[in-house]
Amino acid sequence: EFTRTYIQNANVNLAAPTSANGNTFWKWRVDGVDFTTSTSTTLTMDANHTATAIYFTPPPPTPTPTPVPGAGPQPIAFVKAGTSPNSGDDLFLTNVDGTSVVNLTDAQGNDALPAWSPDGSRLAYTCMRQPDGSISLPRRVCLRNADGTGFVVLSNTLADDYGPAWSRDGSQIAFTSSNCSSCQTFLSVINADGTGRFQLLFSGAGDPDWSPDNWTLVFRSFGSIWTYNRLTQTSRALTNGTIDSRPRYSPDGSKIVFQSSRDGRPQIYVMNSDGSGQTRLTNNTAYDTAPAWSPDGAKILFTSLRDGNYALYVMNADGSNPTRVTAGSDGVWRLTPTAPVIFTEEGTNNAVALDSVTHVRGPFRLSNPNNFSSDQRTRVILFTSYLGLTQADLSNPGILVVETPGFVLPVENVGTLSGIPGLGGSCIVVRLPDGLPTGALQITIKLRGLTSDPRTLNIVP
């Protein structure tokens, strides 16, 4: 601790080491108020100020988590009061008929607003876990595997972050943010691995969801539903100040379901994706809120107070046959996992593939003198639909398998396609193994047990 005197309105550069005495830097506080999470910042001396670098001791490692008993293929995730003392609200799983209810998170603080990843393997949600392990505001966007393992805090700034929504290719997550309790909300987007966070500064915006083509976000702002196309950078109001929120695209992108208080109390409405055909689906004296589509678009899940307490209901997409599921709120339907797709060259069944060194398309030889590896075996880059994998996932050899009849092609790298407008996907680097036959080989990709259609990879002597 020290005191220094500066000329009034001077800009003072503050810098803190990332670690000190085994502790990790967390944030700067100025006059007792959180200022920034950057180790380096600038403070204007317009008055006397006290700047403090806050460090925390990393929580001790916890044992490798095991799957939550009973957490399986239940398609609906939702929120209700936890079952342990001081747990707050937790995330639960259930079947559509209300059976096999399982507490997935069972943690201190409130866990809320779940969102399934497109492949159904993970949940993004709102939690209150801080870097030092404490439970407090601001809220964070967190991730967890569908079996309860793999907990990660994804967003870690001083902003209040909540209400995540996955992009349809699983590569990004949009959510609602605010930099202070009295500030207007705005939209933020972050990569699914926690990198690349940026803001979309629509004042008062929140409740985002993605269109099937990944380019358009639908959201609420000041009681209206808006869309924003990231490719054309154009926005459009679909409703006009009718106290609307919680918009969600249908699986095929043709409809948007939302809640609205335009008739005096929150009810469920649907409209075409261009804003036309706005139609009321529920009509109750109690509140009906938080709609979510089934994977096939035939049904809508929603929260209702018609029983006097929060409960999940499911109805047909036209509003008919509402049926109670279970007690709880904010339910979301797990998407049905689909098999991966190997991209093909136009007009052929040939896999889109390049030599990893020369970036030349096939046919490929087993060995390549230009390869930097000691074995000089050819490495081939395959291009696929988005797999939702990182390099760390390859530690489990059963998650991703590339094979041709009689041979497994070792996977050495996996990553996400970027920088190509309109094209989302993944790239895989495989090594051509010893003994691989020549000719037009049929290769497949197996992702978590789901196998792609075969594509042709041409190998020459």
Protein backbone atom coordinates (compact mmCIF):
# COMPACT_ATOMS: atom_id res chain seq x y z
CA GLU A 1 0.00 0.00 0.00
CA PHE A 2 1.36 3.44 -0.90
CA THR A 3 0.23 7.01 -1.62
CA ARG A 4 1.27 9.20 -4.54
CA THR A 5 0.30 12.72 -5.55
CA TYR A 6 -0.57 13.62 -9.15
CA ILE A 7 -1.55 16.72 -11.05
CA GLN A 8 -5.33 17.05 -11.23
CA ASN A 9 -6.85 15.27 -14.26
CA ALA A 10 -3.61 13.44 -14.97
CA ASN A 11 -3.98 9.98 -16.52
CA VAL A 12 -2.31 7.35 -14.34
CA ASN A 13 -1.38 3.94 -15.72
CA LEU A 14 -2.10 1.08 -13.34
CA ALA A 15 -0.41 -2.29 -13.83
CA ALA A 16 -0.63 -5.41 -11.70
CA PRO A 17 1.19 -8.75 -12.07
CA THR A 18 -1.01 -11.64 -13.13
CA SER A 19 0.05 -13.57 -10.02
CA ALA A 20 1.61 -12.73 -6.67
CA ASN A 21 2.59 -15.07 -3.83
CA GLY A 22 0.62 -17.90 -5.38
CA ASN A 23 -2.52 -15.78 -5.81
CA THR A 24 -4.14 -14.87 -9.14
CA PHE A 25 -5.13 -11.38 -10.25
CA TRP A 26 -8.90 -10.87 -10.43
CA LYS A 27 -9.75 -7.19 -10.85
CA TRP A 28 -8.99 -3.58 -10.04
CA ARG A 29 -11.24 -1.73 -7.62
CA VAL A 30 -11.35 2.07 -7.50
CA ASP A 31 -12.82 3.66 -4.40
CA GLY A 32 -14.29 0.30 -3.42
CA VAL A 33 -16.09 -0.19 -6.73
CA ASP A 34 -15.14 -2.84 -9.32
CA PHE A 35 -13.30 -1.08 -12.15
CA THR A 36 -11.84 -3.60 -14.64
CA THR A 37 -10.61 -7.19 -14.90
CA SER A 38 -7.62 -6.12 -17.03
CA THR A 39 -4.24 -6.18 -15.29
CA SER A 40 -3.38 -2.88 -17.01
CA THR A 41 -5.68 0.14 -17.06
CA THR A 42 -5.72 3.95 -16.94
CA LEU A 43 -7.28 6.08 -14.19
CA THR A 44 -8.00 9.80 -14.54
CA MET A 45 -7.14 11.69 -11.35
CA ASP A 46 -10.10 14.06 -11.34
CA ALA A 47 -10.26 13.66 -7.54
CA ASN A 48 -8.58 11.64 -4.80
CA HIS A 49 -8.91 7.94 -5.64
CA THR A 50 -7.96 4.66 -4.01
CA ALA A 51 -7.04 1.90 -6.46
CA THR A 52 -6.73 -1.67 -5.22
CA ALA A 53 -5.60 -4.75 -7.11
CA ILE A 54 -7.72 -7.71 -5.98
CA TYR A 55 -6.21 -11.20 -5.99
CA PHE A 56 -7.71 -14.53 -5.07
CA THR A 57 -6.35 -17.89 -4.07
CA PRO A 58 -7.39 -20.46 -6.68
CA PRO A 59 -9.84 -22.95 -5.18
CA PRO A 60 -8.25 -26.34 -4.44
CA PRO A 61 -8.64 -28.94 -7.19
CA THR A 62 -11.80 -30.96 -6.86
CA PRO A 63 -11.99 -34.68 -7.59
CA THR A 64 -12.86 -35.60 -11.14
CA PRO A 65 -16.65 -35.20 -11.22
CA THR A 66 -18.76 -38.23 -11.95
CA PRO A 67 -22.03 -38.20 -13.89
CA VAL A 68 -25.13 -37.30 -11.93
CA PRO A 69 -27.07 -40.52 -11.19
CA GLY A 70 -30.16 -40.67 -13.38
CA ALA A 71 -29.02 -37.94 -15.79
CA GLY A 72 -29.53 -39.55 -19.16
CA PRO A 73 -31.43 -38.83 -22.34
CA GLN A 74 -34.20 -36.74 -20.71
CA PRO A 75 -35.08 -34.17 -23.38
CA ILE A 76 -36.19 -31.23 -21.22
CA ALA A 77 -34.03 -29.05 -18.97
CA PHE A 78 -35.76 -26.63 -16.62
CA VAL A 79 -35.46 -24.64 -13.39
CA LYS A 80 -36.95 -25.11 -9.95
CA ALA A 81 -35.96 -24.79 -6.30
CA GLY A 82 -33.03 -27.01 -5.37
CA THR A 83 -33.24 -30.04 -3.13
CA SER A 84 -30.22 -29.27 -0.92
CA PRO A 85 -30.04 -26.62 1.84
CA ASN A 86 -28.99 -23.17 0.54
CA SER A 87 -28.88 -24.43 -3.05
CA GLY A 88 -31.23 -21.79 -4.47
CA ASP A 89 -32.70 -22.64 -7.87
CA ASP A 90 -31.12 -25.55 -9.75
CA LEU A 91 -31.30 -27.04 -13.22
CA PHE A 92 -33.30 -30.24 -13.57
CA LEU A 93 -33.93 -32.77 -16.35
CA THR A 94 -37.22 -34.50 -17.11
CA ASN A 95 -38.99 -36.56 -19.72
CA VAL A 96 -41.88 -35.00 -21.64
CA ASP A 97 -44.38 -36.91 -19.48
CA GLY A 98 -42.82 -35.52 -16.28
CA THR A 99 -41.02 -38.73 -15.27
CA SER A 100 -37.33 -39.23 -14.39
CA VAL A 101 -36.86 -35.76 -12.85
CA VAL A 102 -33.19 -35.30 -11.88
CA ASN A 103 -31.38 -32.39 -10.22
CA LEU A 104 -28.44 -31.72 -12.55
CA THR A 105 -26.61 -28.87 -10.79
CA ASP A 106 -27.46 -29.06 -7.04
CA ALA A 107 -25.20 -26.09 -6.23
CA GLN A 108 -25.28 -22.94 -4.14
CA GLY A 109 -26.66 -19.81 -5.77
CA ASN A 110 -29.31 -19.64 -8.44
CA ASP A 111 -28.83 -21.59 -11.67
CA ALA A 112 -31.25 -20.37 -14.33
CA LEU A 113 -32.17 -19.93 -18.00
CA PRO A 114 -30.76 -23.15 -19.52
CA ALA A 115 -30.05 -23.59 -23.24
CA TRP A 116 -29.16 -26.88 -24.95
CA SER A 117 -26.21 -27.05 -27.33
CA PRO A 118 -27.23 -28.06 -30.88
CA ASP A 119 -25.80 -31.56 -30.44
CA GLY A 120 -27.62 -32.01 -27.12
CA SER A 121 -24.42 -32.79 -25.22
CA ARG A 122 -24.11 -29.60 -23.13
CA LEU A 123 -26.16 -26.96 -21.35
CA ALA A 124 -25.30 -23.28 -21.20
CA TYR A 125 -27.02 -21.47 -18.34
CA THR A 126 -26.82 -18.58 -15.89
CA CYS A 127 -24.93 -19.16 -12.63
CA MET A 128 -23.34 -17.03 -9.88
CA ARG A 129 -19.92 -18.70 -9.51
CA GLN A 130 -17.05 -16.19 -9.14
CA PRO A 131 -13.36 -16.82 -9.95
CA ASP A 132 -12.50 -17.28 -6.26
CA GLY A 133 -15.23 -19.93 -5.92
CA SER A 134 -17.63 -17.64 -4.05
CA ILE A 135 -21.30 -17.30 -4.96
CA SER A 136 -22.38 -13.72 -5.67
CA LEU A 137 -23.27 -11.22 -8.38
CA PRO A 138 -22.54 -10.54 -11.20
CA ARG A 139 -24.16 -13.44 -12.97
CA ARG A 140 -22.09 -15.59 -15.32
CA VAL A 141 -22.69 -17.74 -18.38
CA CYS A 142 -21.72 -21.28 -17.42
CA LEU A 143 -21.50 -24.62 -19.21
CA ARG A 144 -22.08 -28.16 -18.06
CA ASN A 145 -22.27 -31.51 -19.83
CA ALA A 146 -25.69 -33.14 -20.04
CA ASP A 147 -24.62 -35.72 -17.44
CA GLY A 148 -23.65 -32.99 -14.95
CA THR A 149 -19.88 -33.15 -15.47
CA GLY A 150 -17.57 -30.64 -17.15
CA PHE A 151 -18.60 -27.47 -15.29
CA VAL A 152 -17.04 -24.32 -16.80
CA VAL A 153 -17.58 -20.60 -16.15
CA LEU A 154 -17.56 -19.16 -19.66
CA SER A 155 -17.97 -15.41 -19.11
CA ASN A 156 -15.71 -13.77 -16.57
CA THR A 157 -15.83 -9.98 -16.77
CA LEU A 158 -17.43 -7.42 -14.44
CA ALA A 159 -20.59 -7.39 -16.57
CA ASP A 160 -23.79 -9.10 -15.46
CA ASP A 161 -24.29 -11.88 -18.06
CA TYR A 162 -27.36 -14.09 -18.35
CA GLY A 163 -29.79 -15.84 -20.70
CA PRO A 164 -27.47 -17.72 -23.10
CA ALA A 165 -28.51 -18.98 -26.55
CA TRP A 166 -26.37 -21.26 -28.75
CA SER A 167 -25.72 -20.54 -32.41
CA ARG A 168 -27.16 -23.29 -34.60
CA ASP A 169 -23.68 -24.60 -35.45
CA GLY A 170 -22.68 -24.63 -31.77
CA SER A 171 -19.65 -22.40 -32.26
CA GLN A 172 -20.94 -19.29 -30.44
CA ILE A 173 -23.23 -18.26 -27.61
CA ALA A 174 -25.22 -15.01 -27.46
CA PHE A 175 -26.50 -13.64 -24.16
CA THR A 176 -27.82 -10.56 -22.36
CA SER A 177 -25.33 -8.24 -20.62
CA SER A 178 -25.34 -5.15 -18.46
CA ASN A 179 -22.41 -3.23 -17.01
CA CYS A 180 -24.30 -1.95 -13.96
CA SER A 181 -27.59 -2.47 -12.16
CA SER A 182 -29.05 0.74 -13.58
CA CYS A 183 -27.64 0.41 -17.10
CA GLN A 184 -29.54 -0.64 -20.19
CA THR A 185 -28.93 -4.20 -21.29
CA PHE A 186 -27.21 -5.14 -24.55
CA LEU A 187 -26.30 -8.31 -26.43
CA SER A 188 -22.93 -10.03 -26.20
CA VAL A 189 -21.55 -12.94 -28.21
CA ILE A 190 -18.74 -15.26 -27.16
CA ASN A 191 -17.15 -18.32 -28.73
CA ALA A 192 -18.16 -21.62 -27.14
CA ASP A 193 -14.62 -21.99 -25.75
CA GLY A 194 -14.82 -18.62 -23.96
CA THR A 195 -12.73 -16.60 -26.43
CA GLY A 196 -13.62 -13.77 -28.79
CA ARG A 197 -16.23 -11.93 -26.72
CA PHE A 198 -17.80 -8.89 -28.40
CA GLN A 199 -20.86 -6.67 -27.95
CA LEU A 200 -23.80 -5.78 -30.14
CA LEU A 201 -24.81 -2.40 -28.78
CA PHE A 202 -28.57 -2.40 -29.15
CA SER A 203 -29.82 -0.37 -26.20
CA GLY A 204 -32.20 -2.34 -24.02
CA ALA A 205 -31.65 -5.56 -25.98
CA GLY A 206 -31.92 -9.02 -24.43
CA ASP A 207 -33.36 -12.55 -24.80
CA PRO A 208 -31.40 -13.42 -27.98
CA ASP A 209 -31.94 -16.44 -30.21
CA TRP A 210 -30.31 -17.51 -33.50
CA SER A 211 -31.87 -18.21 -36.87
CA PRO A 212 -31.09 -21.57 -38.49
CA ASP A 213 -28.67 -19.91 -40.96
CA ASN A 214 -26.64 -18.51 -38.01
CA TRP A 215 -26.64 -14.99 -39.45
CA THR A 216 -29.71 -13.46 -37.84
CA LEU A 217 -30.36 -12.83 -34.16
CA VAL A 218 -33.88 -12.23 -32.86
CA PHE A 219 -34.18 -10.37 -29.55
CA ARG A 220 -36.34 -8.00 -27.51
CA SER A 221 -35.65 -4.31 -27.05
CA PHE A 222 -37.91 -1.91 -25.13
CA GLY A 223 -40.95 -4.15 -25.41
CA SER A 224 -40.57 -4.95 -29.12
CA ILE A 225 -39.16 -7.93 -31.00
CA TRP A 226 -36.27 -7.12 -33.37
CA THR A 227 -33.99 -9.01 -35.72
CA TYR A 228 -30.39 -8.20 -36.62
CA ASN A 229 -28.59 -9.74 -39.60
CA ARG A 230 -24.86 -9.86 -38.91
CA LEU A 231 -23.99 -10.36 -42.57
CA THR A 232 -25.86 -7.33 -43.91
CA GLN A 233 -25.65 -5.44 -40.57
CA THR A 234 -29.30 -4.49 -40.83
CA SER A 235 -31.94 -4.54 -38.09
CA ARG A 236 -35.72 -4.70 -38.27
CA ALA A 237 -38.59 -4.32 -35.78
CA LEU A 238 -41.10 -7.17 -36.01
CA THR A 239 -43.44 -5.88 -33.28
CA ASN A 240 -44.03 -2.37 -32.03
CA GLY A 241 -43.89 -1.69 -28.30
CA THR A 242 -46.43 -4.32 -27.34
CA ILE A 243 -44.47 -5.56 -24.28
CA ASP A 244 -43.01 -8.57 -26.11
CA SER A 245 -40.05 -10.73 -25.05
CA ARG A 246 -38.49 -14.23 -25.07
CA PRO A 247 -38.56 -14.74 -28.89
CA ARG A 248 -37.50 -18.14 -30.24
CA TYR A 249 -37.09 -19.26 -33.85
CA SER A 250 -38.81 -22.46 -34.92
CA PRO A 251 -36.42 -25.25 -36.00
CA ASP A 252 -36.98 -24.44 -39.69
CA GLY A 253 -36.78 -20.67 -39.11
CA SER A 254 -40.23 -19.95 -40.56
CA LYS A 255 -41.89 -18.96 -37.24
CA ILE A 256 -41.05 -17.07 -34.08
CA VAL A 257 -42.78 -17.87 -30.80
CA PHE A 258 -42.70 -15.24 -28.04
CA GLN A 259 -44.47 -13.99 -24.94
CA SER A 260 -46.44 -10.76 -24.92
CA SER A 261 -48.42 -8.67 -22.43
CA ARG A 262 -50.20 -6.71 -25.16
CA ASP A 263 -53.57 -7.87 -23.86
CA GLY A 264 -52.84 -7.17 -20.20
CA ARG A 265 -50.94 -10.24 -18.98
CA PRO A 266 -48.14 -12.41 -20.39
CA GLN A 267 -49.41 -14.98 -22.89
CA ILE A 268 -47.81 -17.05 -25.69
CA TYR A 269 -47.94 -15.75 -29.26
CA VAL A 270 -46.49 -16.88 -32.58
CA MET A 271 -45.74 -15.02 -35.82
CA ASN A 272 -44.04 -15.59 -39.13
CA SER A 273 -40.32 -14.81 -39.13
CA ASP A 274 -41.00 -11.56 -41.03
CA GLY A 275 -43.37 -10.34 -38.29
CA SER A 276 -46.61 -11.08 -40.14
CA GLY A 277 -49.42 -13.31 -38.90
CA GLN A 278 -49.13 -12.51 -35.17
CA THR A 279 -51.40 -14.99 -33.42
CA ARG A 280 -52.24 -15.59 -29.76
CA LEU A 281 -51.84 -19.22 -28.68
CA THR A 282 -52.79 -19.16 -24.98
CA ASN A 283 -55.64 -17.34 -23.27
CA ASN A 284 -55.63 -17.69 -19.50
CA THR A 285 -56.16 -15.50 -16.46
CA ALA A 286 -52.78 -16.78 -15.23
CA TYR A 287 -49.39 -15.91 -16.72
CA ASP A 288 -48.05 -18.06 -19.60
CA THR A 289 -44.38 -17.32 -20.39
CA ALA A 290 -41.01 -18.58 -21.66
CA PRO A 291 -41.97 -20.54 -24.80
CA ALA A 292 -39.61 -23.04 -26.42
CA TRP A 293 -40.03 -25.23 -29.53
CA SER A 294 -39.78 -28.99 -29.72
CA PRO A 295 -37.03 -30.23 -32.07
CA ASP A 296 -39.56 -31.06 -34.80
CA GLY A 297 -41.46 -27.76 -34.42
CA ALA A 298 -44.73 -29.59 -33.73
CA LYS A 299 -45.04 -28.59 -30.06
CA ILE A 300 -44.26 -25.67 -27.76
CA LEU A 301 -43.08 -25.94 -24.17
CA PHE A 302 -43.94 -23.04 -21.84
CA THR A 303 -44.19 -21.95 -18.21
CA SER A 304 -47.61 -21.32 -16.63
CA LEU A 305 -49.06 -20.17 -13.32
CA ARG A 306 -52.50 -21.61 -14.10
CA ASP A 307 -52.12 -24.08 -11.22
CA GLY A 308 -51.12 -21.37 -8.76
CA ASN A 309 -47.43 -22.30 -8.93
CA TYR A 310 -44.88 -22.36 -11.73
CA ALA A 311 -45.26 -25.44 -13.89
CA LEU A 312 -44.15 -26.59 -17.32
CA TYR A 313 -46.81 -27.22 -19.96
CA VAL A 314 -46.55 -28.51 -23.50
CA MET A 315 -49.07 -27.74 -26.28
CA ASN A 316 -49.37 -28.26 -30.00
CA ALA A 317 -47.83 -25.55 -32.17
CA ASP A 318 -51.33 -24.17 -32.87
CA GLY A 319 -52.02 -23.76 -29.12
CA SER A 320 -54.27 -26.80 -28.76
CA ASN A 321 -54.08 -29.58 -26.15
CA PRO A 322 -52.03 -27.92 -23.36
CA THR A 323 -50.76 -30.64 -21.02
CA ARG A 324 -48.92 -30.28 -17.71
CA VAL A 325 -45.41 -31.75 -17.58
CA THR A 326 -44.02 -31.02 -14.09
CA ALA A 327 -43.47 -28.25 -11.55
CA GLY A 328 -40.82 -25.74 -12.63
CA SER A 329 -40.10 -22.97 -15.12
CA ASP A 330 -37.99 -21.90 -18.12
CA GLY A 331 -38.02 -25.27 -19.82
CA VAL A 332 -36.01 -25.95 -22.98
CA TRP A 333 -36.13 -28.93 -25.29
CA ARG A 334 -32.98 -30.88 -26.14
CA LEU A 335 -32.30 -30.96 -29.86
CA THR A 336 -32.01 -34.35 -31.51
CA PRO A 337 -28.33 -35.01 -32.29
CA THR A 338 -27.61 -35.43 -35.98
CA ALA A 339 -24.84 -37.31 -37.72
CA PRO A 340 -21.82 -35.29 -38.89
CA VAL A 341 -21.49 -34.38 -42.56
CA ILE A 342 -18.28 -34.54 -44.61
CA PHE A 343 -18.33 -31.69 -47.11
CA THR A 344 -18.01 -32.73 -50.77
CA GLU A 345 -16.71 -31.12 -53.92
CA GLU A 346 -19.55 -29.75 -56.03
CA GLY A 347 -21.18 -32.36 -58.24
CA THR A 348 -19.20 -35.29 -56.80
CA ASN A 349 -19.01 -37.56 -53.77
CA ASN A 350 -15.36 -36.62 -53.25
CA ALA A 351 -14.58 -35.33 -49.78
CA VAL A 352 -13.37 -31.74 -49.63
CA ALA A 353 -9.80 -32.46 -48.55
CA LEU A 354 -6.39 -30.76 -48.73
CA ASP A 355 -2.82 -31.81 -48.04
CA SER A 356 -2.06 -30.23 -44.66
CA VAL A 357 1.30 -28.85 -45.84
CA THR A 358 0.89 -27.96 -49.51
CA HIS A 359 -2.88 -27.26 -49.33
CA VAL A 360 -3.27 -29.14 -52.61
CA ARG A 361 -6.38 -31.26 -53.18
CA GLY A 362 -6.22 -35.00 -53.85
CA PRO A 363 -5.48 -37.59 -54.96
CA PHE A 364 -3.04 -38.14 -52.08
CA ARG A 365 0.07 -40.28 -51.69
CA LEU A 366 0.76 -42.08 -48.40
CA SER A 367 4.07 -40.28 -47.96
CA ASN A 368 4.95 -36.66 -48.59
CA PRO A 369 8.56 -35.39 -48.61
CA ASN A 370 7.23 -31.90 -47.84
CA ASN A 371 5.73 -33.05 -44.55
CA PHE A 372 7.56 -31.76 -41.49
CA SER A 373 6.99 -34.88 -39.40
CA SER A 374 9.71 -37.49 -38.98
CA ASP A 375 7.59 -40.22 -40.58
CA GLN A 376 6.80 -38.06 -43.64
CA ARG A 377 3.33 -39.58 -43.73
CA THR A 378 0.76 -37.43 -45.51
CA ARG A 379 -1.65 -35.51 -43.32
CA VAL A 380 -5.00 -34.61 -44.87
CA ILE A 381 -7.39 -31.86 -43.80
CA LEU A 382 -11.06 -32.89 -44.00
CA PHE A 383 -13.84 -30.29 -43.85
CA THR A 384 -17.07 -31.14 -42.06
CA SER A 385 -20.19 -29.74 -40.44
CA TYR A 386 -19.59 -28.19 -37.05
CA LEU A 387 -18.54 -30.91 -34.60
CA GLY A 388 -18.40 -28.87 -31.39
CA LEU A 389 -14.98 -30.31 -30.52
CA THR A 390 -11.70 -28.85 -29.33
CA GLN A 391 -8.24 -30.37 -29.31
CA ALA A 392 -8.77 -31.46 -25.70
CA ASP A 393 -11.65 -33.72 -26.79
CA LEU A 394 -9.21 -35.91 -28.73
CA SER A 395 -7.90 -37.29 -25.43
CA ASN A 396 -10.95 -39.56 -25.57
CA PRO A 397 -10.43 -41.64 -28.74
CA GLY A 398 -14.06 -42.72 -28.80
CA ILE A 399 -15.52 -39.24 -29.35
CA LEU A 400 -14.29 -38.81 -32.93
CA VAL A 401 -13.31 -41.65 -35.28
CA VAL A 402 -12.37 -41.34 -38.96
CA GLU A 403 -12.24 -44.64 -40.80
CA THR A 404 -12.32 -46.46 -44.08
CA PRO A 405 -13.14 -50.19 -44.27
CA GLY A 406 -10.42 -52.03 -42.36
CA PHE A 407 -8.48 -48.91 -41.30
CA VAL A 408 -8.78 -46.12 -38.75
CA LEU A 409 -7.22 -42.81 -39.84
CA PRO A 410 -5.60 -41.31 -36.72
CA VAL A 411 -7.02 -37.87 -35.90
CA GLU A 412 -4.23 -35.46 -34.94
CA ASN A 413 -6.07 -32.14 -34.83
CA VAL A 414 -9.57 -30.70 -34.85
CA GLY A 415 -10.64 -27.07 -35.11
CA THR A 416 -13.38 -24.67 -36.17
CA LEU A 417 -13.70 -23.14 -39.63
CA SER A 418 -13.51 -19.36 -39.52
CA GLY A 419 -13.13 -16.43 -41.87
CA ILE A 420 -15.41 -17.84 -44.57
CA PRO A 421 -18.67 -15.83 -44.72
CA GLY A 422 -21.73 -18.07 -44.76
CA LEU A 423 -19.78 -21.25 -44.03
CA GLY A 424 -19.62 -22.76 -40.58
CA GLY A 425 -18.03 -26.08 -39.79
CA SER A 426 -15.00 -27.92 -38.52
CA CYS A 427 -11.72 -29.14 -39.95
CA ILE A 428 -10.00 -32.40 -39.04
CA VAL A 429 -6.38 -33.34 -39.67
CA VAL A 430 -5.86 -37.09 -40.14
CA ARG A 431 -2.71 -39.12 -40.83
CA LEU A 432 -2.75 -41.67 -43.64
CA PRO A 433 -1.69 -44.89 -41.89
CA ASP A 434 0.70 -47.61 -43.05
CA GLY A 435 -0.85 -50.22 -45.33
CA LEU A 436 -3.71 -48.02 -46.49
CA PRO A 437 -4.76 -49.30 -49.92
CA THR A 438 -4.82 -47.11 -53.01
CA GLY A 439 -7.92 -46.22 -54.97
CA ALA A 440 -11.20 -44.46 -54.25
CA LEU A 441 -11.61 -45.16 -50.55
CA GLN A 442 -14.91 -44.62 -48.77
CA ILE A 443 -14.35 -42.73 -45.52
CA THR A 444 -16.79 -41.98 -42.70
CA ILE A 445 -16.71 -39.88 -39.53
CA LYS A 446 -18.23 -41.16 -36.31
CA LEU A 447 -19.04 -38.48 -33.72
CA ARG A 448 -20.21 -39.76 -30.34
CA GLY A 449 -21.61 -42.87 -32.01
CA LEU A 450 -23.34 -41.10 -34.94
CA THR A 451 -21.82 -41.92 -38.33
CA SER A 452 -21.70 -39.71 -41.43
CA ASP A 453 -22.53 -40.82 -44.94
CA PRO A 454 -19.45 -42.21 -46.72
CA ARG A 455 -17.40 -39.88 -48.91
CA THR A 456 -14.63 -40.66 -51.37
CA LEU A 457 -10.95 -40.02 -50.60
CA ASN A 458 -8.63 -40.82 -53.54
CA ILE A 459 -5.28 -42.42 -52.69
CA VAL A 460 -2.55 -43.10 -55.29
CA PRO A 461 0.71 -45.07 -55.08
